[in-house]
Protein backbone atom coordinates (compact mmCIF):
# COMPACT_ATOMS: atom_id res chain seq x y z
CA MET A 1 -21.65 13.61 -32.39
CA VAL A 2 -22.85 13.13 -28.69
CA HIS A 3 -19.79 10.32 -28.99
CA ILE A 4 -17.27 10.75 -27.84
CA PRO A 5 -14.48 7.66 -28.69
CA ARG A 6 -12.49 7.00 -25.97
CA TRP A 7 -9.09 7.96 -27.14
CA GLN A 8 -10.05 11.01 -27.92
CA ILE A 9 -11.45 11.54 -24.35
CA ALA A 10 -7.91 10.90 -22.47
CA THR A 11 -6.19 12.84 -25.56
CA VAL A 12 -8.27 16.68 -24.49
CA LEU A 13 -7.95 15.32 -20.68
CA ALA A 14 -4.05 15.63 -21.41
CA ILE A 15 -3.84 18.25 -22.99
CA VAL A 16 -6.03 20.81 -20.03
CA LEU A 17 -3.66 18.56 -17.38
CA LEU A 18 -0.43 19.40 -19.15
CA GLY A 19 -1.45 23.02 -19.64
CA LEU A 20 -2.17 23.64 -16.67
CA VAL A 21 1.18 21.91 -15.08
CA TYR A 22 3.98 23.82 -17.52
CA ALA A 23 1.28 27.35 -16.79
CA LEU A 24 2.35 26.73 -12.82
CA PRO A 25 5.65 27.58 -13.24
CA ASN A 26 4.61 31.46 -13.85
CA LEU A 27 2.92 31.72 -10.30
CA LEU A 28 6.03 31.18 -8.78
CA PRO A 29 8.80 33.13 -7.94
CA ARG A 30 12.02 31.95 -10.16
CA SER A 31 14.08 31.80 -7.44
CA SER A 32 12.01 29.01 -6.50
CA LEU A 33 12.08 27.10 -9.14
CA GLN A 34 15.86 26.95 -9.50
CA GLY A 35 15.87 24.17 -6.77
CA LEU A 36 13.12 21.90 -8.33
CA PRO A 37 14.43 18.30 -10.25
CA ASP A 38 14.83 18.93 -14.08
CA TRP A 39 12.13 17.55 -15.27
CA VAL A 40 9.45 19.83 -13.40
CA PRO A 41 9.10 22.52 -15.68
CA GLN A 42 10.30 25.25 -14.70
CA LYS A 43 9.75 27.90 -18.04
CA GLN A 44 7.56 31.46 -17.54
CA ILE A 45 6.17 33.85 -19.57
CA ASN A 46 9.35 36.38 -20.77
CA LEU A 47 8.03 39.87 -20.41
CA GLY A 48 9.25 42.50 -23.35
CA LEU A 49 11.26 45.96 -22.90
CA ASP A 50 7.74 47.60 -22.15
CA LEU A 51 6.76 45.36 -19.12
CA GLN A 52 9.87 44.39 -17.14
CA GLY A 53 11.58 47.35 -18.02
CA GLY A 54 15.55 47.21 -20.04
CA SER A 55 16.91 49.18 -22.07
CA TYR A 56 16.72 50.18 -26.40
CA LEU A 57 19.55 51.11 -28.63
CA LEU A 58 18.68 52.51 -32.17
CA ILE A 59 22.21 51.51 -33.35
CA GLN A 60 24.29 52.48 -37.71
CA VAL A 61 26.19 50.40 -39.46
CA GLU A 62 28.49 52.04 -41.26
CA LEU A 63 28.61 50.51 -44.50
CA GLU A 64 30.33 52.86 -46.09
CA GLN A 65 33.02 51.80 -44.20
CA ALA A 66 32.38 48.48 -45.20
CA PHE A 67 32.76 49.43 -48.76
CA GLU A 68 36.26 50.80 -48.34
CA ALA A 69 37.31 47.79 -46.63
CA ASP A 70 35.89 45.59 -49.51
CA LEU A 71 38.10 48.07 -52.18
CA GLU A 72 41.40 47.98 -50.42
CA ASN A 73 40.84 43.86 -50.34
CA THR A 74 40.55 44.37 -53.88
CA VAL A 75 43.25 46.57 -54.41
CA ASP A 76 45.19 43.98 -53.00
CA GLN A 77 44.27 41.49 -54.66
CA ILE A 78 45.05 43.34 -58.06
CA ARG A 79 48.22 44.29 -57.14
CA LEU A 80 49.60 40.84 -56.09
CA GLY A 81 48.27 39.87 -59.77
CA LEU A 82 49.53 42.28 -61.65
CA ARG A 83 52.75 41.92 -59.81
CA GLY A 84 53.00 37.66 -60.48
CA ALA A 85 52.19 38.73 -63.98
CA GLY A 86 54.70 41.22 -64.54
CA VAL A 87 52.38 43.78 -65.85
CA THR A 88 53.53 47.08 -64.95
CA TYR A 89 50.61 49.42 -63.60
CA THR A 90 50.65 53.16 -61.63
CA GLY A 91 48.21 55.32 -59.63
CA LEU A 92 46.58 52.05 -58.66
CA GLY A 93 44.00 53.48 -55.58
CA ILE A 94 40.44 53.50 -54.43
CA GLU A 95 38.42 55.76 -56.54
CA GLY A 96 34.54 58.05 -55.29
CA LEU A 97 35.24 56.76 -51.47
CA GLY A 98 31.63 57.55 -50.34
CA SER A 99 29.95 58.52 -53.61
CA ASP A 100 27.30 55.95 -55.35
CA GLU A 101 29.92 54.43 -57.39
CA PRO A 102 33.19 54.06 -55.49
CA ALA A 103 35.76 52.26 -58.17
CA VAL A 104 39.19 50.48 -58.03
CA VAL A 105 41.45 53.00 -60.81
CA PHE A 106 44.59 51.55 -61.61
CA GLU A 107 46.62 52.61 -65.52
CA ILE A 108 48.96 50.28 -67.08
CA THR A 109 52.15 51.38 -68.54
CA ASP A 110 52.37 49.39 -71.37
CA PRO A 111 49.40 49.11 -73.90
CA ALA A 112 50.46 45.37 -74.98
CA GLN A 113 50.04 44.37 -72.07
CA ARG A 114 46.18 45.12 -71.97
CA ASP A 115 45.15 41.88 -72.62
CA ALA A 116 47.12 40.34 -69.51
CA ALA A 117 46.07 43.15 -67.57
CA ARG A 118 42.52 41.99 -68.00
CA ASP A 119 43.03 38.55 -67.62
CA THR A 120 44.27 39.05 -64.16
CA VAL A 121 42.30 41.65 -62.85
CA LEU A 122 38.93 39.06 -64.33
CA ASP A 123 40.60 36.38 -61.88
CA ALA A 124 41.08 38.65 -58.79
CA VAL A 125 37.91 40.46 -59.37
CA GLY A 126 35.16 38.18 -59.69
CA SER A 127 31.74 39.07 -60.33
CA LEU A 128 32.42 42.67 -59.96
CA GLN A 129 32.38 44.97 -63.35
CA VAL A 130 35.73 45.98 -65.15
CA ASP A 131 35.83 48.77 -68.10
CA ILE A 132 39.05 49.71 -69.25
CA SER A 133 39.32 53.00 -71.93
CA ASP A 134 42.65 53.55 -73.98
CA ASP A 135 43.89 49.84 -73.53
CA ARG A 136 45.25 51.51 -70.26
CA ALA A 137 42.96 53.25 -67.51
CA PHE A 138 41.13 50.41 -65.41
CA ARG A 139 38.19 51.35 -63.51
CA ILE A 140 36.32 48.54 -61.39
CA THR A 141 33.16 48.86 -59.75
CA MET A 142 29.50 47.25 -58.31
CA SER A 143 27.00 47.32 -60.28
CA GLU A 144 23.45 48.43 -58.41
CA ALA A 145 22.14 44.95 -57.54
CA GLN A 146 25.81 43.41 -56.34
CA GLN A 147 26.07 46.74 -53.91
CA ARG A 148 21.98 45.95 -52.42
CA GLU A 149 22.88 42.57 -52.24
CA ARG A 150 26.18 43.15 -50.33
CA THR A 151 24.23 45.82 -47.94
CA ASN A 152 22.06 43.30 -47.00
CA ASN A 153 24.27 41.20 -46.66
CA ILE A 154 26.71 43.26 -43.84
CA LEU A 155 23.23 44.01 -42.22
CA ASN A 156 22.03 40.28 -42.09
CA GLN A 157 25.37 39.69 -40.41
CA THR A 158 26.04 42.22 -37.85
CA ILE A 159 22.01 41.64 -37.08
CA GLU A 160 23.73 37.53 -36.03
CA ILE A 161 26.95 39.05 -34.83
CA ILE A 162 25.23 41.43 -32.30
CA ARG A 163 22.49 38.22 -31.86
CA ARG A 164 25.25 35.97 -30.74
CA ARG A 165 27.51 37.87 -28.65
CA ILE A 166 24.06 39.55 -26.86
CA ASP A 167 23.47 35.46 -26.17
CA GLU A 168 26.62 35.27 -24.64
CA THR A 169 26.35 37.76 -22.09
CA GLY A 170 23.22 36.17 -20.91
CA THR A 171 20.09 38.56 -21.42
CA ARG A 172 17.19 36.60 -22.26
CA GLU A 173 14.69 37.08 -25.11
CA PRO A 174 16.38 40.25 -26.72
CA SER A 175 14.99 41.67 -29.85
CA ILE A 176 17.16 42.30 -32.37
CA GLN A 177 15.39 42.94 -35.81
CA ARG A 178 17.03 44.71 -39.01
CA HIS A 179 15.91 49.10 -39.13
CA GLY A 180 15.60 50.58 -42.65
CA ASP A 181 18.33 50.26 -45.13
CA ASP A 182 21.82 50.90 -43.38
CA ARG A 183 19.73 50.43 -39.11
CA VAL A 184 19.53 47.68 -36.47
CA LEU A 185 16.90 48.23 -33.85
CA VAL A 186 18.46 45.97 -30.42
CA GLN A 187 15.70 46.16 -27.16
CA LEU A 188 17.41 44.47 -24.34
CA PRO A 189 13.88 43.29 -21.97
CA GLY A 190 15.96 43.23 -17.75
CA VAL A 191 19.18 45.39 -18.78
CA GLU A 192 19.04 48.68 -17.35
CA ASN A 193 22.49 49.54 -17.52
CA PRO A 194 23.54 48.81 -21.17
CA ASP A 195 27.10 49.86 -21.05
CA ARG A 196 28.69 46.91 -21.27
CA ILE A 197 26.73 45.81 -23.66
CA LYS A 198 27.40 48.39 -25.82
CA ASP A 199 31.54 47.98 -25.60
CA LEU A 200 30.72 44.37 -26.39
CA LEU A 201 29.07 45.64 -29.17
CA GLN A 202 30.82 48.79 -30.39
CA GLU A 203 34.41 46.40 -31.40
CA THR A 204 34.36 45.07 -34.85
CA ALA A 205 36.32 42.39 -33.15
CA ALA A 206 38.12 42.09 -37.14
CA LEU A 207 41.00 40.06 -35.84
CA ALA A 208 43.65 38.93 -38.08
CA PHE A 209 47.59 37.38 -38.50
CA ARG A 210 49.94 39.49 -40.52
CA PHE A 211 53.75 39.27 -40.80
CA VAL A 212 55.60 42.51 -39.75
CA ASP A 213 57.70 44.31 -41.98
CA GLN A 214 61.67 44.81 -39.88
CA ASN A 215 63.45 46.08 -42.29
CA ALA A 216 60.82 49.12 -42.47
CA ASP A 217 60.57 52.59 -40.38
CA PRO A 218 57.40 52.74 -38.13
CA ASN A 219 58.08 56.71 -37.93
CA GLY A 220 59.22 57.03 -42.00
CA THR A 221 56.73 56.45 -44.97
CA PRO A 222 55.36 52.69 -45.60
CA PRO A 223 56.60 50.09 -48.04
CA PRO A 224 54.01 49.43 -50.47
CA GLY A 225 51.88 46.59 -49.28
CA THR A 226 52.03 48.03 -45.70
CA GLU A 227 50.94 49.71 -43.40
CA ILE A 228 51.80 51.41 -40.20
CA LEU A 229 50.05 50.29 -36.36
CA PRO A 230 49.81 51.00 -34.01
CA GLY A 231 50.42 48.86 -30.34
CA SER A 232 48.59 48.08 -27.85
CA ASP A 233 51.48 47.83 -25.36
CA LYS A 234 53.52 51.33 -24.44
CA SER A 235 57.27 51.60 -23.98
CA ASP A 236 59.30 52.75 -21.70
CA GLN A 237 58.45 56.45 -21.96
CA GLY A 238 54.66 55.68 -22.57
CA LYS A 239 54.84 56.38 -26.36
CA GLY A 240 52.26 54.02 -28.27
CA ILE A 241 55.13 51.36 -30.18
CA ARG A 242 54.67 51.46 -33.70
CA TYR A 243 54.78 48.12 -35.99
CA VAL A 244 55.14 48.69 -40.10
CA VAL A 245 52.26 45.53 -40.89
CA SER A 246 52.05 43.54 -44.50
CA LYS A 247 48.44 44.27 -45.51
CA ARG A 248 48.36 40.53 -47.12
CA VAL A 249 46.08 38.44 -43.77
CA ILE A 250 48.42 35.38 -42.92
CA VAL A 251 44.94 33.87 -41.06
CA LYS A 252 41.56 35.73 -41.06
CA GLY A 253 39.61 35.59 -37.93
CA GLU A 254 36.77 33.90 -39.71
CA ASN A 255 39.04 30.66 -39.84
CA LEU A 256 38.79 30.52 -35.49
CA THR A 257 36.42 28.13 -34.44
CA ASP A 258 36.50 28.23 -30.65
CA ALA A 259 38.35 30.99 -28.64
CA GLN A 260 38.36 31.41 -24.43
CA SER A 261 40.34 33.30 -21.87
CA THR A 262 42.67 30.77 -19.47
CA PHE A 263 46.28 31.95 -17.76
CA GLN A 264 49.35 31.20 -18.98
CA ASN A 265 52.52 31.83 -16.15
CA ALA A 266 50.05 32.97 -13.47
CA GLU A 267 49.11 35.96 -16.12
CA PRO A 268 44.88 36.04 -18.29
CA VAL A 269 45.89 35.39 -22.22
CA VAL A 270 43.09 34.36 -24.88
CA SER A 271 43.28 30.93 -26.26
CA PHE A 272 42.20 30.24 -30.06
CA LYS A 273 41.56 27.18 -32.24
CA PHE A 274 41.20 27.17 -36.38
CA ASP A 275 39.00 25.22 -38.82
CA THR A 276 41.04 22.85 -41.45
CA VAL A 277 41.10 25.75 -43.59
CA GLY A 278 43.14 28.30 -41.01
CA ALA A 279 45.05 25.45 -39.37
CA LYS A 280 46.51 24.81 -43.26
CA LYS A 281 47.31 28.48 -43.89
CA PHE A 282 49.13 29.21 -40.81
CA ALA A 283 51.14 25.76 -40.83
CA ASP A 284 52.51 26.89 -43.43
CA ALA A 285 52.78 30.15 -43.00
CA THR A 286 55.26 29.32 -39.43
CA ARG A 287 57.46 26.53 -41.29
CA ASP A 288 58.01 28.81 -43.83
CA ASN A 289 59.43 31.77 -42.11
CA VAL A 290 61.04 30.53 -39.11
CA GLY A 291 62.47 33.88 -37.07
CA ARG A 292 60.02 35.84 -38.24
CA VAL A 293 58.07 37.93 -36.25
CA PHE A 294 53.97 38.41 -37.36
CA ALA A 295 50.91 40.89 -35.33
CA VAL A 296 48.25 39.40 -33.79
CA VAL A 297 46.49 42.07 -35.37
CA LEU A 298 42.67 43.26 -33.38
CA ASP A 299 40.69 46.12 -35.00
CA ASP A 300 43.95 47.54 -36.71
CA GLU A 301 45.47 47.38 -33.54
CA VAL A 302 48.29 44.92 -32.64
CA ILE A 303 48.04 43.48 -29.85
CA SER A 304 50.84 40.62 -30.27
CA ALA A 305 53.99 40.55 -31.87
CA PRO A 306 55.89 36.96 -31.20
CA VAL A 307 58.44 35.98 -33.32
CA ILE A 308 58.17 32.75 -34.69
CA ARG A 309 60.60 30.13 -33.46
CA GLU A 310 59.37 26.98 -34.75
CA PRO A 311 56.39 25.78 -36.99
CA ILE A 312 53.12 25.17 -35.03
CA LEU A 313 51.72 22.29 -36.23
CA GLY A 314 48.73 22.40 -34.13
CA GLY A 315 46.01 24.62 -35.61
CA SER A 316 45.62 26.48 -31.84
CA GLY A 317 47.69 28.63 -29.79
CA ILE A 318 47.69 31.17 -27.31
CA ILE A 319 47.13 35.19 -27.43
CA SER A 320 48.76 37.34 -25.40
CA GLY A 321 48.77 40.85 -23.65
CA ASN A 322 48.08 42.83 -20.99
CA PHE A 323 45.28 41.67 -20.46
CA THR A 324 42.94 41.20 -17.31
CA VAL A 325 40.72 38.57 -16.43
CA GLU A 326 37.59 40.48 -17.68
CA THR A 327 39.32 41.80 -20.44
CA ALA A 328 40.71 38.24 -21.51
CA ASN A 329 36.71 37.27 -20.98
CA ASP A 330 35.12 40.09 -23.41
CA LEU A 331 37.70 39.71 -26.19
CA ALA A 332 37.28 35.54 -26.99
CA LEU A 333 34.08 35.81 -26.49
CA LEU A 334 34.31 38.78 -29.50
CA LEU A 335 36.64 36.28 -30.95
CA ARG A 336 33.55 33.36 -30.94
CA ALA A 337 30.86 35.64 -32.33
CA GLY A 338 32.92 36.93 -34.55
CA ALA A 339 33.78 40.07 -36.37
CA LEU A 340 31.63 43.01 -37.12
CA PRO A 341 31.63 43.63 -40.92
CA ALA A 342 31.66 47.23 -40.33
CA ASP A 343 31.81 49.95 -37.34
CA LEU A 344 28.45 50.29 -34.90
CA THR A 345 27.56 54.40 -34.58
CA TYR A 346 24.69 54.56 -31.85
CA LEU A 347 21.68 57.16 -33.11
CA GLU A 348 19.19 56.76 -29.79
CA GLU A 349 19.85 55.37 -26.60
CA ARG A 350 16.64 54.89 -23.85
CA THR A 351 16.11 52.95 -20.95
CA VAL A 352 12.74 52.00 -19.16
CA GLY A 353 12.43 51.73 -15.95
CA PRO A 354 11.35 49.37 -14.41
CA GLY A 355 8.23 50.89 -12.77
CA LEU A 356 6.65 51.26 -15.42
CA GLY A 357 6.86 47.67 -17.01
CA ALA A 358 4.91 46.99 -13.59
CA ASP A 359 2.34 49.79 -14.30
CA SER A 360 1.73 48.46 -17.32
CA VAL A 361 1.48 44.12 -15.63
CA ARG A 362 -0.69 45.88 -13.27
CA ALA A 363 -3.06 47.68 -15.54
CA GLY A 364 -3.09 44.51 -18.19
CA LYS A 365 -4.05 41.83 -14.69
CA ILE A 366 -7.11 44.20 -14.13
CA ALA A 367 -7.71 44.67 -18.03
CA ALA A 368 -7.80 40.36 -18.89
CA THR A 369 -9.54 39.86 -15.14
CA LEU A 370 -12.55 42.11 -15.53
CA GLY A 371 -12.52 41.03 -19.00
CA LEU A 372 -12.74 37.58 -18.39
CA VAL A 373 -15.75 37.94 -14.59
CA PHE A 374 -17.80 40.02 -17.49
CA VAL A 375 -17.29 37.12 -20.10
CA ILE A 376 -18.13 34.87 -16.66
CA LEU A 377 -21.14 36.60 -15.75
CA PHE A 378 -22.94 36.95 -19.12
CA MET A 379 -22.71 33.95 -19.99
CA ALA A 380 -23.51 32.12 -17.36
CA VAL A 381 -26.89 35.28 -16.79
CA TYR A 382 -27.81 34.43 -20.84
CA TYR A 383 -26.68 30.56 -21.28
CA GLY A 384 -27.01 29.24 -17.93
CA LEU A 385 -25.64 25.49 -16.84
CA PHE A 386 -24.47 25.75 -20.81
CA GLY A 387 -22.96 29.35 -19.90
CA LEU A 388 -20.78 27.16 -17.30
CA MET A 389 -19.67 24.64 -19.21
CA ALA A 390 -18.56 27.34 -21.65
CA ASP A 391 -16.94 29.47 -18.89
CA VAL A 392 -15.23 25.89 -17.48
CA ALA A 393 -13.69 25.77 -21.60
CA LEU A 394 -12.82 29.73 -20.45
CA ILE A 395 -10.38 29.22 -18.54
CA ALA A 396 -8.66 25.98 -19.86
CA ASN A 397 -8.03 28.08 -23.07
CA LEU A 398 -6.56 30.70 -20.79
CA VAL A 399 -4.67 28.85 -18.94
CA LEU A 400 -3.57 27.20 -22.48
CA ILE A 401 -2.07 30.55 -23.52
CA VAL A 402 -0.57 31.08 -20.61
CA ALA A 403 1.53 27.45 -21.34
CA ALA A 404 1.76 27.75 -24.58
CA LEU A 405 3.33 31.71 -23.66
CA SER A 406 5.97 29.71 -21.84
CA VAL A 407 7.14 26.77 -23.43
CA LEU A 408 7.25 28.87 -26.66
CA GLN A 409 9.14 31.48 -24.63
CA ALA A 410 7.27 33.81 -26.05
CA THR A 411 8.32 37.59 -25.32
CA LEU A 412 5.05 39.02 -23.50
CA THR A 413 4.45 42.79 -24.57
CA LEU A 414 2.01 44.89 -23.81
CA PRO A 415 0.05 44.92 -27.44
CA GLY A 416 0.29 41.06 -26.24
CA ILE A 417 -1.10 41.75 -23.64
CA ALA A 418 -3.76 43.48 -25.24
CA GLY A 419 -4.20 40.03 -27.47
CA ILE A 420 -5.64 37.94 -24.62
CA VAL A 421 -7.69 40.55 -23.38
CA LEU A 422 -9.72 40.22 -26.82
CA THR A 423 -9.48 36.47 -27.14
CA ILE A 424 -11.12 36.16 -23.90
CA GLY A 425 -13.93 37.71 -25.62
CA MET A 426 -13.61 35.99 -28.68
CA ALA A 427 -13.20 32.47 -26.78
CA VAL A 428 -16.83 32.33 -26.82
CA ASP A 429 -17.77 33.43 -30.40
CA ALA A 430 -17.79 29.66 -31.02
CA ASN A 431 -19.89 28.37 -28.09
CA VAL A 432 -21.94 31.19 -29.05
CA LEU A 433 -22.80 30.29 -32.15
CA ILE A 434 -22.57 26.40 -31.38
CA PHE A 435 -25.35 27.19 -28.39
CA GLU A 436 -27.99 29.23 -30.67
CA ARG A 437 -28.05 26.40 -33.08
CA ILE A 438 -29.04 24.33 -30.74
CA ARG A 439 -31.98 26.05 -29.09
CA GLU A 440 -33.02 26.81 -32.51
CA GLU A 441 -32.51 23.10 -33.04
CA LEU A 442 -34.73 22.79 -30.24
CA THR A 443 -38.04 25.34 -30.71
CA VAL A 444 -37.80 25.90 -34.33
CA ASN A 445 -37.46 21.86 -35.36
CA GLY A 446 -38.51 20.64 -32.40
CA ARG A 447 -36.03 18.34 -31.49
CA GLY A 448 -35.30 16.23 -28.58
CA PRO A 449 -32.23 17.16 -26.85
CA VAL A 450 -29.40 14.91 -28.16
CA ASN A 451 -30.75 15.17 -31.80
CA ALA A 452 -30.33 19.10 -31.04
CA ILE A 453 -26.95 19.20 -29.79
CA ASP A 454 -25.66 16.12 -32.61
CA ALA A 455 -27.21 19.16 -35.29
CA GLY A 456 -26.40 22.43 -32.88
CA TYR A 457 -22.93 21.05 -33.32
CA LYS A 458 -22.87 20.03 -37.24
CA ARG A 459 -24.24 23.39 -38.19
CA ALA A 460 -22.42 25.45 -36.57
CA MET A 461 -19.28 23.39 -37.22
CA THR A 462 -18.93 25.44 -40.92
CA THR A 463 -19.01 28.94 -39.36
CA ILE A 464 -16.77 28.55 -36.38
CA VAL A 465 -13.97 27.17 -39.12
CA ASP A 466 -14.65 29.90 -40.75
CA SER A 467 -14.91 32.89 -38.97
CA ASN A 468 -11.11 31.53 -36.95
CA LEU A 469 -9.44 30.49 -40.38
CA THR A 470 -9.67 34.20 -41.43
CA THR A 471 -8.96 36.23 -38.27
CA LEU A 472 -5.89 33.38 -38.22
CA ILE A 473 -4.64 34.46 -41.72
CA ALA A 474 -4.44 38.56 -40.63
CA ALA A 475 -2.92 37.44 -37.49
CA VAL A 476 -0.09 35.06 -39.57
CA LEU A 477 0.44 38.39 -41.91
CA LEU A 478 0.83 40.76 -39.13
CA PHE A 479 2.93 38.58 -37.50
CA GLN A 480 4.86 37.77 -40.89
CA PHE A 481 4.70 41.79 -41.89
CA GLY A 482 4.79 43.96 -38.72
CA SER A 483 7.78 44.86 -36.83
CA GLY A 484 8.00 43.72 -32.79
CA PRO A 485 5.31 44.65 -30.34
CA ILE A 486 2.81 43.95 -33.55
CA LYS A 487 4.77 40.37 -33.59
CA GLY A 488 3.50 39.97 -29.54
CA PHE A 489 0.09 40.68 -30.44
CA ALA A 490 -0.45 38.57 -33.50
CA VAL A 491 1.56 36.00 -31.45
CA THR A 492 -0.83 36.00 -28.78
CA LEU A 493 -4.02 36.65 -30.71
CA ALA A 494 -3.02 33.17 -32.70
CA ILE A 495 -2.58 31.17 -30.25
CA GLY A 496 -5.69 32.37 -28.96
CA LEU A 497 -7.46 31.42 -31.84
CA VAL A 498 -5.79 27.75 -31.64
CA THR A 499 -6.93 27.21 -28.18
CA SER A 500 -10.30 28.94 -27.88
CA MET A 501 -11.11 26.18 -30.92
CA PHE A 502 -10.04 23.59 -29.13
CA THR A 503 -11.75 24.36 -25.88
CA ALA A 504 -14.94 25.82 -27.32
CA ILE A 505 -15.11 22.44 -29.18
CA MET A 506 -13.78 19.99 -27.83
CA LEU A 507 -13.77 20.74 -24.14
CA THR A 508 -17.14 21.97 -24.36
CA ARG A 509 -18.68 19.39 -25.54
CA LEU A 510 -16.64 16.94 -23.52
CA VAL A 511 -18.23 17.75 -21.09
CA LEU A 512 -22.09 18.50 -22.51
CA VAL A 513 -21.63 14.95 -23.13
CA THR A 514 -20.70 13.82 -19.79
CA TRP A 515 -23.50 15.76 -18.38
CA LEU A 516 -25.75 14.54 -21.06
CA ARG A 517 -25.48 11.09 -20.70
CA ARG A 518 -25.23 11.02 -16.83
CA ARG A 519 -28.79 13.07 -16.59
CA ARG A 520 -31.13 12.37 -19.73
CA PRO A 521 -32.74 15.57 -18.99
CA LYS A 522 -35.98 15.23 -20.98
CA GLN A 523 -35.56 19.04 -22.35
CA LEU A 524 -32.97 21.35 -22.42
CA ALA A 525 -33.36 24.90 -21.25
CA PHE A 526 -31.54 28.36 -22.01
């Protein structure tokens, strides 16, 4: 143990030096780092909502709306299928919406068409449950397992889209996580006015390209398979323009690969591109319907209704309307991020001022500094020169923790500061075990300095590994199953355990062995 290979010495020194380099940016203001070369480390620790202030949003996802959209899509698929198969029916619609078991129901007029209707419905609805009574009445429902799976998919999709939209605004380190069965918790550090974020999240951005029925009266009853939607433009009398739009979607917004705000004829517009599937669908639809009007529908509002003058084969196009530069940018952002599967309702909103965060940071600094000073004094007084060696490792440990948090871009919260303070106290545990073992070898077994140090490290190693490993397991479990603040505590605790193991075993031993080789003491004094 008293022999350390050169490569190991170089590795230890390199790690400590890198830790110092990556920790130093935290001592500088962020503005001064922007002028440095790109190869210079510039990452700093991100402060959480409780430290730098920001906004807290508790959002409810309107699951019922998403299920209704699914059922309406099922109704459209069944209608098209039955018409194509020549099956006559009546009463096709949704029943029990809002209950535990909503369903699509209809009846066929001729019992002899029962098998044809069943086969058509099974092709249209996939894995949904189809029940038939009296050879006429059809009822299509989702099982409980399917509803749970769909709910999880909706929430996961909502969280991912919220994350994309917020990331596009440049907000640093937002915390977005599921909260209960139908809610999402969003924390935005540094965002004191969340109104623009709320506006971006509120839009579902459900874009669709659908045909306009020019023969139907927009002020009357819409024909089957169509609906009346308002337009974003206004007429000369200031009244809203209405369109009779087919419920059948030509291309959905999910087929978009890119959307950017640009200018056409000196007016803001939004350009878009389709993926391969969307480009083919759009090309086929425009090729077969030259002269017809198609509607660009965003969140149940027609934002543009151009006439198809010629086939659009390039897989790209322009959305024009009464856009400003900001609204065109926001629309492009929404389309790039994707469509929310359901509306969002804000249940709770809180804004944390930076003053409270500054107080927390100040208190955390005081606690960490006092903890570090008292531990350093205790080790120096109780173990003398050996204690000072452990103090060097303790300072290096704190530098490595800061460096690791900076490189990982982890968010430091108030519980995270508590984890750092706890780590400072725990960091010398390994050294205490080693020093006590060395003292035992000297006083009880009568070994010389070299043999005592060698035996002390060997015998303490098992205990050190066991104690730190069990604490590390607890930290991993806290991170896996805990919420945001608990995760912050777990991250700093885990990083502190790893760095303290390195500094206590590797760095302290390197300092001790270097001293031992140079001084060659005849005896060790504790």
